[in-house]
Amino acid sequence: MIKMKSIAIVLGILMGLFLIAFFGTDVIMKIIVGHGNEVQVPLLIGEDYEVARKNCRNMKLYIEQNELVHDENIEKGKIISQKPNPGIMTKKYRTISVVLSNGPEMVRIPYLDNLSIVQAKLKLENAGLFIGEKVFRYSDEVAKGKVIYSQPLADELIPKKSEVEVIVSLGKYTTSSGDDNKWKDLLGD
């Protein structure tokens, strides 16, 4: 009976020492490794790059632009994505890599003057644009059914996939032009 009691006491002491060593090692490792030098990674997505850089500097983190990409929905200078992800704990002075938006891709409006509506549509599509509203006006200089000019004007930069309005000639104005079918000839649709 005394032998059993002694074995139980020894086992209890060994179990206690094991628990102290297990949890004590964890605490000691946190002290050695510097657990207090950790910060939570902030959410940078959608923020302006310069604002994010200042906020990270205050948290003793660095920020690095990893990539610059065009994005139709996110304005130029805003952060699209980040690594490491927000919310995780990380060491101070770590670098957060970000992908930055360069805004929508910009394209030049081609010259559409004196082109038919079909030709203008093809030229716009080749430039990554779409034909928008068609406005019809009389013109003494431009033949009937041809583009007088575009709105915005040719050679301006606009976001890719935008619509461009075209002003189409009805030809010279005459007082006897009461033909209702004149529009059908010009639309080309």
Protein backbone atom coordinates (compact mmCIF):
# COMPACT_ATOMS: atom_id res chain seq x y z
CA MET A 1 0.00 0.00 0.00
CA ILE A 2 2.84 2.37 0.84
CA LYS A 3 4.47 1.44 -2.46
CA MET A 4 1.30 2.42 -4.38
CA LYS A 5 1.06 5.69 -2.51
CA SER A 6 4.71 6.47 -3.31
CA ILE A 7 4.18 5.70 -7.01
CA ALA A 8 1.09 7.95 -7.08
CA ILE A 9 3.01 10.81 -5.44
CA VAL A 10 5.93 10.41 -7.86
CA LEU A 11 3.54 10.33 -10.82
CA GLY A 12 1.78 13.47 -9.52
CA ILE A 13 5.10 15.26 -9.10
CA LEU A 14 6.23 14.21 -12.60
CA MET A 15 2.92 15.33 -14.12
CA GLY A 16 3.20 18.71 -12.34
CA LEU A 17 6.78 19.15 -13.56
CA PHE A 18 5.72 18.24 -17.10
CA LEU A 19 2.92 20.84 -17.07
CA ILE A 20 5.20 23.52 -15.64
CA ALA A 21 7.88 22.73 -18.23
CA PHE A 22 5.36 22.65 -21.12
CA PHE A 23 3.68 25.98 -20.34
CA GLY A 24 6.86 27.56 -18.97
CA THR A 25 8.71 26.84 -22.21
CA ASP A 26 5.93 28.59 -24.15
CA VAL A 27 6.21 31.69 -21.95
CA ILE A 28 10.02 31.68 -22.09
CA MET A 29 9.97 31.32 -25.91
CA LYS A 30 7.61 34.29 -26.21
CA ILE A 31 9.99 36.37 -24.13
CA ILE A 32 13.05 35.25 -26.11
CA VAL A 33 11.41 35.64 -29.53
CA GLY A 34 9.86 38.95 -28.55
CA HIS A 35 6.13 38.25 -28.63
CA GLY A 36 5.54 41.85 -27.58
CA ASN A 37 6.98 43.03 -30.91
CA GLU A 38 3.93 41.91 -32.87
CA VAL A 39 1.22 44.08 -34.40
CA GLN A 40 -1.98 43.29 -36.24
CA VAL A 41 -1.78 43.79 -40.01
CA PRO A 42 -4.19 46.61 -40.93
CA LEU A 43 -6.75 46.52 -43.74
CA LEU A 44 -5.17 48.56 -46.56
CA ILE A 45 -7.43 47.57 -49.47
CA GLY A 46 -9.23 50.60 -50.87
CA GLU A 47 -6.94 53.08 -49.13
CA ASP A 48 -4.81 55.68 -50.87
CA TYR A 49 -1.19 54.46 -51.07
CA GLU A 50 0.31 57.48 -49.30
CA VAL A 51 -2.25 57.35 -46.48
CA ALA A 52 -1.63 53.60 -46.03
CA ARG A 53 2.14 54.21 -45.98
CA LYS A 54 1.77 56.79 -43.21
CA ASN A 55 -0.52 54.53 -41.16
CA CYS A 56 1.87 51.59 -41.53
CA ARG A 57 4.84 53.74 -40.52
CA ASN A 58 2.97 54.66 -37.31
CA MET A 59 2.49 50.94 -36.62
CA LYS A 60 6.18 50.27 -37.33
CA LEU A 61 5.40 48.41 -40.57
CA TYR A 62 6.67 49.03 -44.08
CA ILE A 63 4.68 49.06 -47.28
CA GLU A 64 5.96 48.18 -50.74
CA GLN A 65 4.24 48.51 -54.10
CA ASN A 66 4.51 45.08 -55.67
CA GLU A 67 2.53 45.68 -58.86
CA LEU A 68 0.62 48.43 -60.71
CA VAL A 69 -2.46 47.34 -62.68
CA HIS A 70 -5.32 49.00 -64.54
CA ASP A 71 -8.70 48.64 -62.86
CA GLU A 72 -11.94 50.11 -64.22
CA ASN A 73 -13.61 50.25 -60.80
CA ILE A 74 -10.79 51.42 -58.51
CA GLU A 75 -9.35 54.88 -58.94
CA LYS A 76 -5.67 55.53 -59.50
CA GLY A 77 -3.47 55.36 -56.39
CA LYS A 78 -5.78 53.08 -54.36
CA ILE A 79 -4.69 49.67 -53.03
CA ILE A 80 -6.32 46.64 -54.71
CA SER A 81 -4.81 43.80 -52.64
CA GLN A 82 -2.22 43.15 -49.94
CA LYS A 83 0.02 40.42 -48.49
CA PRO A 84 0.02 39.46 -45.68
CA ASN A 85 -3.74 39.55 -45.28
CA PRO A 86 -5.32 41.99 -42.83
CA GLY A 87 -6.06 40.90 -39.29
CA ILE A 88 -3.15 38.51 -38.73
CA MET A 89 -0.41 39.19 -36.21
CA THR A 90 3.04 39.92 -37.58
CA LYS A 91 6.39 41.21 -36.37
CA LYS A 92 7.02 44.94 -36.30
CA TYR A 93 9.15 46.26 -39.18
CA ARG A 94 7.74 43.68 -41.59
CA THR A 95 6.99 44.76 -45.16
CA ILE A 96 3.45 44.53 -46.52
CA SER A 97 3.34 44.07 -50.31
CA VAL A 98 0.47 45.78 -52.11
CA VAL A 99 -0.99 45.86 -55.63
CA LEU A 100 -1.84 49.42 -56.64
CA SER A 101 -4.49 50.60 -59.11
CA ASN A 102 -3.42 52.67 -62.08
CA GLY A 103 -7.07 53.53 -62.70
CA PRO A 104 -8.90 52.58 -65.88
CA GLU A 105 -6.85 52.05 -69.02
CA MET A 106 -7.02 55.19 -71.12
CA VAL A 107 -7.30 55.18 -74.94
CA ARG A 108 -7.30 57.92 -77.57
CA ILE A 109 -10.47 58.63 -79.49
CA PRO A 110 -9.76 58.04 -83.19
CA TYR A 111 -10.65 60.58 -85.87
CA LEU A 112 -14.11 59.73 -87.19
CA ASP A 113 -14.67 62.78 -89.42
CA ASN A 114 -16.28 61.96 -92.79
CA LEU A 115 -16.70 58.26 -91.97
CA SER A 116 -20.00 56.41 -92.28
CA ILE A 117 -21.65 55.27 -89.04
CA VAL A 118 -20.58 51.67 -89.72
CA GLN A 119 -16.96 52.72 -90.36
CA ALA A 120 -16.96 54.90 -87.24
CA LYS A 121 -18.33 52.02 -85.15
CA LEU A 122 -15.59 49.66 -86.40
CA LYS A 123 -12.86 52.23 -85.79
CA LEU A 124 -14.12 52.84 -82.25
CA GLU A 125 -14.32 49.10 -81.50
CA ASN A 126 -10.75 48.64 -82.74
CA ALA A 127 -9.68 51.31 -80.24
CA GLY A 128 -11.54 49.54 -77.39
CA LEU A 129 -14.48 51.97 -77.39
CA PHE A 130 -18.17 51.78 -78.27
CA ILE A 131 -20.37 53.97 -80.38
CA GLY A 132 -22.81 55.83 -78.17
CA GLU A 133 -25.67 58.12 -79.02
CA LYS A 134 -26.06 59.28 -82.62
CA VAL A 135 -27.07 62.92 -82.97
CA PHE A 136 -28.17 64.14 -86.40
CA ARG A 137 -27.48 67.68 -87.61
CA TYR A 138 -27.50 69.54 -90.89
CA SER A 139 -24.12 70.36 -92.41
CA ASP A 140 -23.07 72.30 -95.49
CA GLU A 141 -19.57 70.75 -95.42
CA VAL A 142 -20.12 67.06 -94.57
CA ALA A 143 -22.09 64.72 -96.83
CA LYS A 144 -25.33 63.13 -95.66
CA GLY A 145 -24.76 60.01 -93.50
CA LYS A 146 -21.14 60.87 -92.62
CA VAL A 147 -19.78 61.74 -89.18
CA ILE A 148 -19.25 65.46 -88.62
CA TYR A 149 -17.32 64.96 -85.33
CA SER A 150 -17.33 62.92 -82.14
CA GLN A 151 -18.08 63.90 -78.57
CA PRO A 152 -15.62 63.84 -76.77
CA LEU A 153 -13.46 65.11 -79.61
CA ALA A 154 -10.93 63.03 -81.52
CA ASP A 155 -7.49 62.56 -79.92
CA GLU A 156 -8.79 62.99 -76.35
CA LEU A 157 -8.00 60.29 -73.78
CA ILE A 158 -10.95 58.47 -72.20
CA PRO A 159 -11.32 55.21 -70.25
CA LYS A 160 -11.32 52.06 -72.37
CA LYS A 161 -14.80 50.58 -72.99
CA SER A 162 -16.42 54.04 -72.88
CA GLU A 163 -19.07 55.22 -75.30
CA VAL A 164 -18.41 57.98 -77.81
CA GLU A 165 -21.26 60.08 -79.16
CA VAL A 166 -21.16 60.81 -82.90
CA ILE A 167 -22.67 63.80 -84.66
CA VAL A 168 -23.92 62.67 -88.07
CA SER A 169 -24.71 64.89 -91.05
CA LEU A 170 -28.20 65.16 -92.50
CA GLY A 171 -26.65 66.94 -95.47
CA LYS A 172 -27.45 70.50 -96.45
CA TYR A 173 -30.55 72.03 -94.95
CA THR A 174 -33.36 72.56 -97.42
CA THR A 175 -36.88 73.78 -96.77
CA SER A 176 -38.39 70.87 -98.68
CA SER A 177 -36.78 68.13 -96.58
CA GLY A 178 -39.92 66.69 -95.01
CA ASP A 179 -39.13 63.05 -95.79
CA ASP A 180 -39.78 60.91 -92.67
CA ASN A 181 -37.70 58.02 -94.03
CA LYS A 182 -34.45 60.05 -94.08
CA TRP A 183 -33.55 58.74 -90.59
CA LYS A 184 -33.80 55.09 -91.60
CA ASP A 185 -31.16 55.57 -94.32
CA LEU A 186 -28.67 57.10 -91.87
CA LEU A 187 -28.96 54.76 -88.90
CA GLY A 188 -27.49 51.77 -90.65
CA ASP A 189 -28.76 49.51 -87.85
